[in-house]
All heavy atoms as atom14 arrays in JSON, in Angstrom:
{
  "sequence": "LMDVRMPGMDGIEATRAIVAGDPASRVIILTTFDLDEYAFAGLNA",
  "atom14_mask": [
    [1, 1, 1, 1, 1, 1, 1, 1, 0, 0, 0, 0, 0, 0],
    [1, 1, 1, 1, 1, 1, 1, 1, 0, 0, 0, 0, 0, 0],
    [1, 1, 1, 1, 1, 1, 1, 1, 0, 0, 0, 0, 0, 0],
    [1, 1, 1, 1, 1, 1, 1, 0, 0, 0, 0, 0, 0, 0],
    [1, 1, 1, 1, 1, 1, 1, 1, 1, 1, 1, 0, 0, 0],
    [1, 1, 1, 1, 1, 1, 1, 1, 0, 0, 0, 0, 0, 0],
    [1, 1, 1, 1, 1, 1, 1, 0, 0, 0, 0, 0, 0, 0],
    [1, 1, 1, 1, 0, 0, 0, 0, 0, 0, 0, 0, 0, 0],
    [1, 1, 1, 1, 1, 1, 1, 1, 0, 0, 0, 0, 0, 0],
    [1, 1, 1, 1, 1, 1, 1, 1, 0, 0, 0, 0, 0, 0],
    [1, 1, 1, 1, 0, 0, 0, 0, 0, 0, 0, 0, 0, 0],
    [1, 1, 1, 1, 1, 1, 1, 1, 0, 0, 0, 0, 0, 0],
    [1, 1, 1, 1, 1, 1, 1, 1, 1, 0, 0, 0, 0, 0],
    [1, 1, 1, 1, 1, 0, 0, 0, 0, 0, 0, 0, 0, 0],
    [1, 1, 1, 1, 1, 1, 1, 0, 0, 0, 0, 0, 0, 0],
    [1, 1, 1, 1, 1, 1, 1, 1, 1, 1, 1, 0, 0, 0],
    [1, 1, 1, 1, 1, 0, 0, 0, 0, 0, 0, 0, 0, 0],
    [1, 1, 1, 1, 1, 1, 1, 1, 0, 0, 0, 0, 0, 0],
    [1, 1, 1, 1, 1, 1, 1, 0, 0, 0, 0, 0, 0, 0],
    [1, 1, 1, 1, 1, 0, 0, 0, 0, 0, 0, 0, 0, 0],
    [1, 1, 1, 1, 0, 0, 0, 0, 0, 0, 0, 0, 0, 0],
    [1, 1, 1, 1, 1, 1, 1, 1, 0, 0, 0, 0, 0, 0],
    [1, 1, 1, 1, 1, 1, 1, 0, 0, 0, 0, 0, 0, 0],
    [1, 1, 1, 1, 1, 0, 0, 0, 0, 0, 0, 0, 0, 0],
    [1, 1, 1, 1, 1, 1, 0, 0, 0, 0, 0, 0, 0, 0],
    [1, 1, 1, 1, 1, 1, 1, 1, 1, 1, 1, 0, 0, 0],
    [1, 1, 1, 1, 1, 1, 1, 0, 0, 0, 0, 0, 0, 0],
    [1, 1, 1, 1, 1, 1, 1, 1, 0, 0, 0, 0, 0, 0],
    [1, 1, 1, 1, 1, 1, 1, 1, 0, 0, 0, 0, 0, 0],
    [1, 1, 1, 1, 1, 1, 1, 1, 0, 0, 0, 0, 0, 0],
    [1, 1, 1, 1, 1, 1, 1, 0, 0, 0, 0, 0, 0, 0],
    [1, 1, 1, 1, 1, 1, 1, 0, 0, 0, 0, 0, 0, 0],
    [1, 1, 1, 1, 1, 1, 1, 1, 1, 1, 1, 0, 0, 0],
    [1, 1, 1, 1, 1, 1, 1, 1, 0, 0, 0, 0, 0, 0],
    [1, 1, 1, 1, 1, 1, 1, 1, 0, 0, 0, 0, 0, 0],
    [1, 1, 1, 1, 1, 1, 1, 1, 0, 0, 0, 0, 0, 0],
    [1, 1, 1, 1, 1, 1, 1, 1, 1, 0, 0, 0, 0, 0],
    [1, 1, 1, 1, 1, 1, 1, 1, 1, 1, 1, 1, 0, 0],
    [1, 1, 1, 1, 1, 0, 0, 0, 0, 0, 0, 0, 0, 0],
    [1, 1, 1, 1, 1, 1, 1, 1, 1, 1, 1, 0, 0, 0],
    [1, 1, 1, 1, 1, 0, 0, 0, 0, 0, 0, 0, 0, 0],
    [1, 1, 1, 1, 0, 0, 0, 0, 0, 0, 0, 0, 0, 0],
    [1, 1, 1, 1, 1, 1, 1, 1, 0, 0, 0, 0, 0, 0],
    [1, 1, 1, 1, 1, 1, 1, 1, 0, 0, 0, 0, 0, 0],
    [1, 1, 1, 1, 1, 0, 0, 0, 0, 0, 0, 0, 0, 0]
  ],
  "atom14_positions": [
    [[-8.68, -11.19, -13.87], [-9.07, -11.31, -12.44], [-8.81, -12.76, -12.05], [-9.36, -13.62, -12.62], [-10.62, -10.99, -12.26], [-11.02, -9.59, -12.72], [-12.5, -9.45, -12.41], [-10.15, -8.5, -12.06], [0.0, 0.0, 0.0], [0.0, 0.0, 0.0], [0.0, 0.0, 0.0], [0.0, 0.0, 0.0], [0.0, 0.0, 0.0], [0.0, 0.0, 0.0]],
    [[-7.96, -12.97, -11.04], [-7.45, -14.34, -10.71], [-7.8, -14.69, -9.27], [-7.47, -14.02, -8.33], [-5.91, -14.36, -10.89], [-5.27, -15.71, -10.62], [-5.62, -16.92, -11.89], [-4.58, -16.27, -13.23], [0.0, 0.0, 0.0], [0.0, 0.0, 0.0], [0.0, 0.0, 0.0], [0.0, 0.0, 0.0], [0.0, 0.0, 0.0], [0.0, 0.0, 0.0]],
    [[-8.47, -15.84, -9.16], [-8.72, -16.51, -7.87], [-7.42, -17.07, -7.39], [-6.59, -17.35, -8.18], [-9.85, -17.48, -7.95], [-10.46, -17.76, -6.61], [-9.93, -17.25, -5.55], [-11.44, -18.47, -6.58], [0.0, 0.0, 0.0], [0.0, 0.0, 0.0], [0.0, 0.0, 0.0], [0.0, 0.0, 0.0], [0.0, 0.0, 0.0], [0.0, 0.0, 0.0]],
    [[-7.29, -17.36, -6.1], [-6.11, -18.01, -5.57], [-6.27, -19.5, -5.51], [-5.51, -20.33, -6.1], [-5.71, -17.42, -4.21], [-4.56, -18.23, -3.65], [-5.41, -15.98, -4.32], [0.0, 0.0, 0.0], [0.0, 0.0, 0.0], [0.0, 0.0, 0.0], [0.0, 0.0, 0.0], [0.0, 0.0, 0.0], [0.0, 0.0, 0.0], [0.0, 0.0, 0.0]],
    [[-7.36, -19.94, -4.86], [-7.57, -21.32, -4.6], [-8.42, -21.94, -5.68], [-9.62, -21.65, -5.77], [-8.15, -21.63, -3.24], [-7.23, -21.14, -2.1], [-7.78, -21.46, -0.79], [-6.87, -21.24, 0.28], [-7.1, -21.47, 1.53], [-8.22, -21.9, 2.01], [-6.15, -21.23, 2.49], [0.0, 0.0, 0.0], [0.0, 0.0, 0.0], [0.0, 0.0, 0.0]],
    [[-7.75, -22.87, -6.49], [-8.49, -23.45, -7.6], [-7.91, -24.88, -7.75], [-6.78, -25.15, -7.32], [-8.28, -22.67, -8.89], [-8.9, -21.29, -8.95], [-8.68, -20.48, -10.53], [-6.87, -20.16, -10.53], [0.0, 0.0, 0.0], [0.0, 0.0, 0.0], [0.0, 0.0, 0.0], [0.0, 0.0, 0.0], [0.0, 0.0, 0.0], [0.0, 0.0, 0.0]],
    [[-8.7, -25.79, -8.3], [-8.21, -27.16, -8.48], [-7.04, -27.12, -9.52], [-6.99, -26.32, -10.42], [-9.42, -27.9, -9.02], [-10.29, -26.84, -9.67], [-10.1, -25.6, -8.8], [0.0, 0.0, 0.0], [0.0, 0.0, 0.0], [0.0, 0.0, 0.0], [0.0, 0.0, 0.0], [0.0, 0.0, 0.0], [0.0, 0.0, 0.0], [0.0, 0.0, 0.0]],
    [[-6.18, -28.16, -9.39], [-5.09, -28.24, -10.3], [-4.1, -27.13, -10.08], [-3.58, -27.01, -8.96], [0.0, 0.0, 0.0], [0.0, 0.0, 0.0], [0.0, 0.0, 0.0], [0.0, 0.0, 0.0], [0.0, 0.0, 0.0], [0.0, 0.0, 0.0], [0.0, 0.0, 0.0], [0.0, 0.0, 0.0], [0.0, 0.0, 0.0], [0.0, 0.0, 0.0]],
    [[-3.8, -26.4, -11.1], [-2.85, -25.18, -10.93], [-3.62, -24.08, -10.25], [-4.69, -23.62, -10.66], [-2.4, -24.75, -12.36], [-1.49, -23.47, -12.26], [-0.99, -22.93, -13.98], [0.1, -24.18, -14.46], [0.0, 0.0, 0.0], [0.0, 0.0, 0.0], [0.0, 0.0, 0.0], [0.0, 0.0, 0.0], [0.0, 0.0, 0.0], [0.0, 0.0, 0.0]],
    [[-3.01, -23.61, -9.08], [-3.72, -22.56, -8.35], [-3.4, -21.2, -9.06], [-2.68, -21.12, -10.0], [-3.27, -22.54, -6.9], [-1.82, -22.33, -6.64], [-1.16, -21.7, -7.58], [-1.34, -22.72, -5.66], [0.0, 0.0, 0.0], [0.0, 0.0, 0.0], [0.0, 0.0, 0.0], [0.0, 0.0, 0.0], [0.0, 0.0, 0.0], [0.0, 0.0, 0.0]],
    [[-4.0, -20.15, -8.41], [-3.88, -18.82, -9.05], [-2.45, -18.22, -8.97], [-2.09, -17.41, -9.79], [0.0, 0.0, 0.0], [0.0, 0.0, 0.0], [0.0, 0.0, 0.0], [0.0, 0.0, 0.0], [0.0, 0.0, 0.0], [0.0, 0.0, 0.0], [0.0, 0.0, 0.0], [0.0, 0.0, 0.0], [0.0, 0.0, 0.0], [0.0, 0.0, 0.0]],
    [[-1.69, -18.62, -7.99], [-0.35, -18.17, -7.9], [0.55, -18.63, -9.03], [1.2, -17.9, -9.67], [0.34, -18.61, -6.5], [-0.46, -17.95, -5.37], [1.74, -18.13, -6.44], [-0.11, -18.44, -4.05], [0.0, 0.0, 0.0], [0.0, 0.0, 0.0], [0.0, 0.0, 0.0], [0.0, 0.0, 0.0], [0.0, 0.0, 0.0], [0.0, 0.0, 0.0]],
    [[0.45, -19.97, -9.27], [1.26, -20.57, -10.34], [0.75, -20.02, -11.66], [1.51, -19.83, -12.59], [1.21, -22.07, -10.25], [1.96, -22.65, -9.14], [3.44, -22.2, -9.11], [4.07, -22.16, -10.15], [3.9, -21.77, -8.0], [0.0, 0.0, 0.0], [0.0, 0.0, 0.0], [0.0, 0.0, 0.0], [0.0, 0.0, 0.0], [0.0, 0.0, 0.0]],
    [[-0.55, -19.86, -11.83], [-1.14, -19.41, -13.06], [-0.7, -17.95, -13.32], [-0.28, -17.6, -14.47], [-2.63, -19.45, -13.03], [0.0, 0.0, 0.0], [0.0, 0.0, 0.0], [0.0, 0.0, 0.0], [0.0, 0.0, 0.0], [0.0, 0.0, 0.0], [0.0, 0.0, 0.0], [0.0, 0.0, 0.0], [0.0, 0.0, 0.0], [0.0, 0.0, 0.0]],
    [[-0.62, -17.12, -12.3], [-0.15, -15.71, -12.42], [1.26, -15.73, -12.85], [1.68, -14.96, -13.79], [-0.35, -15.04, -11.08], [-1.74, -14.92, -10.75], [0.25, -13.62, -11.16], [0.0, 0.0, 0.0], [0.0, 0.0, 0.0], [0.0, 0.0, 0.0], [0.0, 0.0, 0.0], [0.0, 0.0, 0.0], [0.0, 0.0, 0.0], [0.0, 0.0, 0.0]],
    [[2.09, -16.56, -12.15], [3.49, -16.62, -12.53], [3.75, -17.02, -13.99], [4.55, -16.43, -14.7], [4.21, -17.56, -11.6], [5.77, -17.66, -11.8], [6.42, -18.48, -10.72], [6.35, -17.8, -9.51], [5.73, -18.33, -8.39], [4.95, -19.43, -8.52], [5.74, -17.63, -7.24], [0.0, 0.0, 0.0], [0.0, 0.0, 0.0], [0.0, 0.0, 0.0]],
    [[2.94, -17.99, -14.45], [3.12, -18.53, -15.8], [2.6, -17.43, -16.81], [3.27, -17.28, -17.81], [2.29, -19.81, -15.98], [0.0, 0.0, 0.0], [0.0, 0.0, 0.0], [0.0, 0.0, 0.0], [0.0, 0.0, 0.0], [0.0, 0.0, 0.0], [0.0, 0.0, 0.0], [0.0, 0.0, 0.0], [0.0, 0.0, 0.0], [0.0, 0.0, 0.0]],
    [[1.52, -16.76, -16.5], [0.97, -15.73, -17.39], [1.91, -14.59, -17.53], [2.27, -14.14, -18.66], [-0.34, -15.24, -16.88], [-1.41, -16.34, -17.1], [-0.83, -14.0, -17.65], [-2.77, -15.99, -16.43], [0.0, 0.0, 0.0], [0.0, 0.0, 0.0], [0.0, 0.0, 0.0], [0.0, 0.0, 0.0], [0.0, 0.0, 0.0], [0.0, 0.0, 0.0]],
    [[2.5, -14.1, -16.42], [3.41, -12.98, -16.48], [4.75, -13.36, -17.1], [5.33, -12.59, -17.85], [3.63, -12.43, -15.06], [4.7, -11.36, -15.05], [2.35, -11.9, -14.5], [0.0, 0.0, 0.0], [0.0, 0.0, 0.0], [0.0, 0.0, 0.0], [0.0, 0.0, 0.0], [0.0, 0.0, 0.0], [0.0, 0.0, 0.0], [0.0, 0.0, 0.0]],
    [[5.22, -14.61, -16.86], [6.42, -15.03, -17.57], [6.21, -15.16, -19.06], [7.15, -14.79, -19.8], [6.8, -16.43, -17.01], [0.0, 0.0, 0.0], [0.0, 0.0, 0.0], [0.0, 0.0, 0.0], [0.0, 0.0, 0.0], [0.0, 0.0, 0.0], [0.0, 0.0, 0.0], [0.0, 0.0, 0.0], [0.0, 0.0, 0.0], [0.0, 0.0, 0.0]],
    [[5.04, -15.59, -19.48], [4.75, -15.59, -20.9], [4.56, -14.27, -21.56], [4.89, -14.07, -22.72], [0.0, 0.0, 0.0], [0.0, 0.0, 0.0], [0.0, 0.0, 0.0], [0.0, 0.0, 0.0], [0.0, 0.0, 0.0], [0.0, 0.0, 0.0], [0.0, 0.0, 0.0], [0.0, 0.0, 0.0], [0.0, 0.0, 0.0], [0.0, 0.0, 0.0]],
    [[4.09, -13.35, -20.86], [3.82, -11.95, -21.36], [4.0, -11.01, -20.18], [2.99, -10.74, -19.45], [2.41, -11.86, -21.93], [2.12, -10.49, -22.5], [3.03, -9.65, -22.55], [0.93, -10.27, -22.9], [0.0, 0.0, 0.0], [0.0, 0.0, 0.0], [0.0, 0.0, 0.0], [0.0, 0.0, 0.0], [0.0, 0.0, 0.0], [0.0, 0.0, 0.0]],
    [[5.14, -10.36, -20.05], [5.37, -9.46, -18.88], [4.42, -8.28, -18.82], [4.27, -7.66, -17.84], [6.76, -8.99, -19.16], [7.4, -10.1, -19.93], [6.35, -10.63, -20.8], [0.0, 0.0, 0.0], [0.0, 0.0, 0.0], [0.0, 0.0, 0.0], [0.0, 0.0, 0.0], [0.0, 0.0, 0.0], [0.0, 0.0, 0.0], [0.0, 0.0, 0.0]],
    [[3.8, -8.01, -19.96], [2.81, -6.87, -19.95], [1.43, -7.29, -19.39], [0.6, -6.4, -19.24], [2.62, -6.42, -21.43], [0.0, 0.0, 0.0], [0.0, 0.0, 0.0], [0.0, 0.0, 0.0], [0.0, 0.0, 0.0], [0.0, 0.0, 0.0], [0.0, 0.0, 0.0], [0.0, 0.0, 0.0], [0.0, 0.0, 0.0], [0.0, 0.0, 0.0]],
    [[1.25, -8.54, -19.09], [-0.06, -8.99, -18.56], [-0.27, -8.37, -17.21], [0.62, -8.13, -16.4], [-0.02, -10.5, -18.39], [0.09, -11.17, -19.61], [0.0, 0.0, 0.0], [0.0, 0.0, 0.0], [0.0, 0.0, 0.0], [0.0, 0.0, 0.0], [0.0, 0.0, 0.0], [0.0, 0.0, 0.0], [0.0, 0.0, 0.0], [0.0, 0.0, 0.0]],
    [[-1.59, -8.01, -16.92], [-1.93, -7.33, -15.72], [-2.93, -8.27, -15.03], [-4.06, -8.52, -15.54], [-2.6, -6.0, -16.0], [-1.64, -5.0, -16.68], [-0.58, -4.64, -15.74], [0.48, -3.8, -16.42], [1.53, -3.26, -15.8], [1.71, -3.48, -14.5], [2.39, -2.59, -16.44], [0.0, 0.0, 0.0], [0.0, 0.0, 0.0], [0.0, 0.0, 0.0]],
    [[-2.6, -8.74, -13.81], [-3.43, -9.68, -13.05], [-3.82, -9.02, -11.78], [-2.97, -8.52, -11.06], [-2.63, -10.98, -12.8], [-3.47, -11.91, -11.98], [-2.16, -11.59, -14.09], [0.0, 0.0, 0.0], [0.0, 0.0, 0.0], [0.0, 0.0, 0.0], [0.0, 0.0, 0.0], [0.0, 0.0, 0.0], [0.0, 0.0, 0.0], [0.0, 0.0, 0.0]],
    [[-5.09, -9.17, -11.42], [-5.59, -8.69, -10.18], [-5.96, -9.97, -9.38], [-6.82, -10.79, -9.83], [-6.84, -7.8, -10.28], [-6.4, -6.51, -11.0], [-7.41, -7.46, -8.9], [-7.66, -5.62, -11.23], [0.0, 0.0, 0.0], [0.0, 0.0, 0.0], [0.0, 0.0, 0.0], [0.0, 0.0, 0.0], [0.0, 0.0, 0.0], [0.0, 0.0, 0.0]],
    [[-5.39, -10.16, -8.17], [-5.71, -11.25, -7.37], [-6.99, -10.96, -6.55], [-7.13, -9.92, -5.99], [-4.59, -11.58, -6.31], [-3.24, -11.97, -7.02], [-4.99, -12.57, -5.29], [-3.3, -13.31, -7.61], [0.0, 0.0, 0.0], [0.0, 0.0, 0.0], [0.0, 0.0, 0.0], [0.0, 0.0, 0.0], [0.0, 0.0, 0.0], [0.0, 0.0, 0.0]],
    [[-7.95, -11.95, -6.6], [-9.2, -11.78, -5.83], [-9.21, -12.89, -4.84], [-9.0, -14.03, -5.16], [-10.39, -11.96, -6.8], [-10.61, -10.8, -7.81], [-11.72, -11.22, -8.82], [-10.99, -9.5, -7.05], [0.0, 0.0, 0.0], [0.0, 0.0, 0.0], [0.0, 0.0, 0.0], [0.0, 0.0, 0.0], [0.0, 0.0, 0.0], [0.0, 0.0, 0.0]],
    [[-9.47, -12.51, -3.54], [-9.39, -13.57, -2.53], [-10.19, -13.19, -1.31], [-10.55, -12.06, -1.15], [-8.0, -13.82, -2.09], [-7.96, -14.94, -1.21], [-7.38, -12.62, -1.45], [0.0, 0.0, 0.0], [0.0, 0.0, 0.0], [0.0, 0.0, 0.0], [0.0, 0.0, 0.0], [0.0, 0.0, 0.0], [0.0, 0.0, 0.0], [0.0, 0.0, 0.0]],
    [[-10.54, -14.23, -0.54], [-11.16, -13.96, 0.83], [-9.92, -13.87, 1.72], [-9.32, -14.88, 2.04], [-12.03, -15.1, 1.23], [-13.03, -15.35, 0.22], [-12.72, -14.82, 2.56], [0.0, 0.0, 0.0], [0.0, 0.0, 0.0], [0.0, 0.0, 0.0], [0.0, 0.0, 0.0], [0.0, 0.0, 0.0], [0.0, 0.0, 0.0], [0.0, 0.0, 0.0]],
    [[-9.59, -12.63, 2.14], [-8.23, -12.35, 2.74], [-7.98, -13.24, 3.91], [-6.91, -13.75, 4.09], [-8.17, -10.88, 3.11], [-6.83, -10.52, 3.58], [-5.87, -10.22, 2.67], [-6.47, -10.46, 4.94], [-4.57, -9.81, 3.01], [-5.16, -10.18, 5.28], [-4.19, -9.83, 4.36], [0.0, 0.0, 0.0], [0.0, 0.0, 0.0], [0.0, 0.0, 0.0]],
    [[-8.93, -13.42, 4.86], [-8.59, -14.09, 6.08], [-8.27, -15.63, 5.85], [-7.73, -16.24, 6.68], [-9.79, -13.94, 7.09], [-9.9, -12.56, 7.59], [-8.85, -11.86, 7.58], [-11.03, -12.19, 8.04], [0.0, 0.0, 0.0], [0.0, 0.0, 0.0], [0.0, 0.0, 0.0], [0.0, 0.0, 0.0], [0.0, 0.0, 0.0], [0.0, 0.0, 0.0]],
    [[-8.72, -16.09, 4.73], [-8.49, -17.5, 4.45], [-7.35, -17.78, 3.53], [-6.67, -18.78, 3.63], [-9.78, -18.13, 3.81], [-11.05, -18.09, 4.64], [-12.25, -18.66, 3.86], [-10.79, -18.85, 5.94], [0.0, 0.0, 0.0], [0.0, 0.0, 0.0], [0.0, 0.0, 0.0], [0.0, 0.0, 0.0], [0.0, 0.0, 0.0], [0.0, 0.0, 0.0]],
    [[-7.04, -16.85, 2.58], [-6.06, -17.09, 1.62], [-4.68, -16.48, 2.05], [-4.45, -15.26, 1.84], [-6.46, -16.5, 0.27], [-7.63, -17.32, -0.34], [-7.65, -18.51, -0.14], [-8.47, -16.65, -0.99], [0.0, 0.0, 0.0], [0.0, 0.0, 0.0], [0.0, 0.0, 0.0], [0.0, 0.0, 0.0], [0.0, 0.0, 0.0], [0.0, 0.0, 0.0]],
    [[-3.86, -17.28, 2.57], [-2.6, -16.89, 3.03], [-1.54, -16.81, 1.91], [-0.37, -16.51, 2.13], [-2.07, -17.8, 4.13], [-2.93, -17.77, 5.41], [-2.51, -18.71, 6.52], [-1.47, -19.37, 6.26], [-3.09, -18.7, 7.54], [0.0, 0.0, 0.0], [0.0, 0.0, 0.0], [0.0, 0.0, 0.0], [0.0, 0.0, 0.0], [0.0, 0.0, 0.0]],
    [[-1.95, -17.11, 0.69], [-1.06, -17.11, -0.48], [-1.18, -15.85, -1.23], [-0.57, -15.76, -2.29], [-1.37, -18.26, -1.35], [-1.3, -19.6, -0.6], [-2.42, -20.3, -0.25], [-0.08, -20.15, -0.18], [-2.4, -21.55, 0.42], [-0.02, -21.36, 0.52], [-1.2, -22.02, 0.82], [-1.15, -23.2, 1.49], [0.0, 0.0, 0.0], [0.0, 0.0, 0.0]],
    [[-1.94, -14.84, -0.79], [-2.13, -13.65, -1.59], [-0.79, -12.93, -1.84], [-0.59, -12.46, -2.93], [-3.09, -12.69, -0.83], [0.0, 0.0, 0.0], [0.0, 0.0, 0.0], [0.0, 0.0, 0.0], [0.0, 0.0, 0.0], [0.0, 0.0, 0.0], [0.0, 0.0, 0.0], [0.0, 0.0, 0.0], [0.0, 0.0, 0.0], [0.0, 0.0, 0.0]],
    [[0.03, -12.83, -0.86], [1.35, -12.09, -1.0], [2.16, -12.84, -2.07], [2.78, -12.17, -2.92], [2.1, -12.08, 0.33], [3.38, -11.3, 0.26], [3.42, -9.91, 0.47], [4.59, -12.0, -0.1], [4.56, -9.24, 0.41], [5.75, -11.27, -0.16], [5.79, -9.92, 0.08], [0.0, 0.0, 0.0], [0.0, 0.0, 0.0], [0.0, 0.0, 0.0]],
    [[2.13, -14.17, -2.01], [2.92, -14.93, -3.07], [2.3, -14.6, -4.42], [3.14, -14.59, -5.37], [2.81, -16.42, -2.75], [0.0, 0.0, 0.0], [0.0, 0.0, 0.0], [0.0, 0.0, 0.0], [0.0, 0.0, 0.0], [0.0, 0.0, 0.0], [0.0, 0.0, 0.0], [0.0, 0.0, 0.0], [0.0, 0.0, 0.0], [0.0, 0.0, 0.0]],
    [[1.06, -14.42, -4.57], [0.49, -14.06, -5.82], [0.99, -12.69, -6.31], [1.35, -12.54, -7.51], [0.0, 0.0, 0.0], [0.0, 0.0, 0.0], [0.0, 0.0, 0.0], [0.0, 0.0, 0.0], [0.0, 0.0, 0.0], [0.0, 0.0, 0.0], [0.0, 0.0, 0.0], [0.0, 0.0, 0.0], [0.0, 0.0, 0.0], [0.0, 0.0, 0.0]],
    [[1.09, -11.74, -5.46], [1.6, -10.45, -5.83], [3.09, -10.57, -6.21], [3.59, -9.97, -7.2], [1.38, -9.44, -4.65], [0.03, -9.1, -4.24], [0.01, -8.24, -2.98], [-0.75, -8.42, -5.4], [0.0, 0.0, 0.0], [0.0, 0.0, 0.0], [0.0, 0.0, 0.0], [0.0, 0.0, 0.0], [0.0, 0.0, 0.0], [0.0, 0.0, 0.0]],
    [[3.81, -11.42, -5.42], [5.22, -11.54, -5.7], [5.45, -12.3, -7.03], [6.49, -12.21, -7.64], [5.88, -12.38, -4.5], [7.28, -12.06, -4.36], [7.81, -11.0, -4.8], [8.07, -12.91, -3.76], [0.0, 0.0, 0.0], [0.0, 0.0, 0.0], [0.0, 0.0, 0.0], [0.0, 0.0, 0.0], [0.0, 0.0, 0.0], [0.0, 0.0, 0.0]],
    [[4.45, -13.02, -7.42], [4.49, -13.85, -8.68], [4.26, -12.88, -9.88], [4.42, -13.27, -11.01], [3.49, -14.87, -8.73], [0.0, 0.0, 0.0], [0.0, 0.0, 0.0], [0.0, 0.0, 0.0], [0.0, 0.0, 0.0], [0.0, 0.0, 0.0], [0.0, 0.0, 0.0], [0.0, 0.0, 0.0], [0.0, 0.0, 0.0], [0.0, 0.0, 0.0]]
  ]
}
């Protein structure tokens, strides 16, 4: 379960890194939709 907005590396970059390291990894993005405009990027990652 991955938040989007975090200090340092955000959830998008973390998701991309996790999936790149292990394509079988399954990540669910958790966000406050109206505030997090990066949710789509997380799915795309």
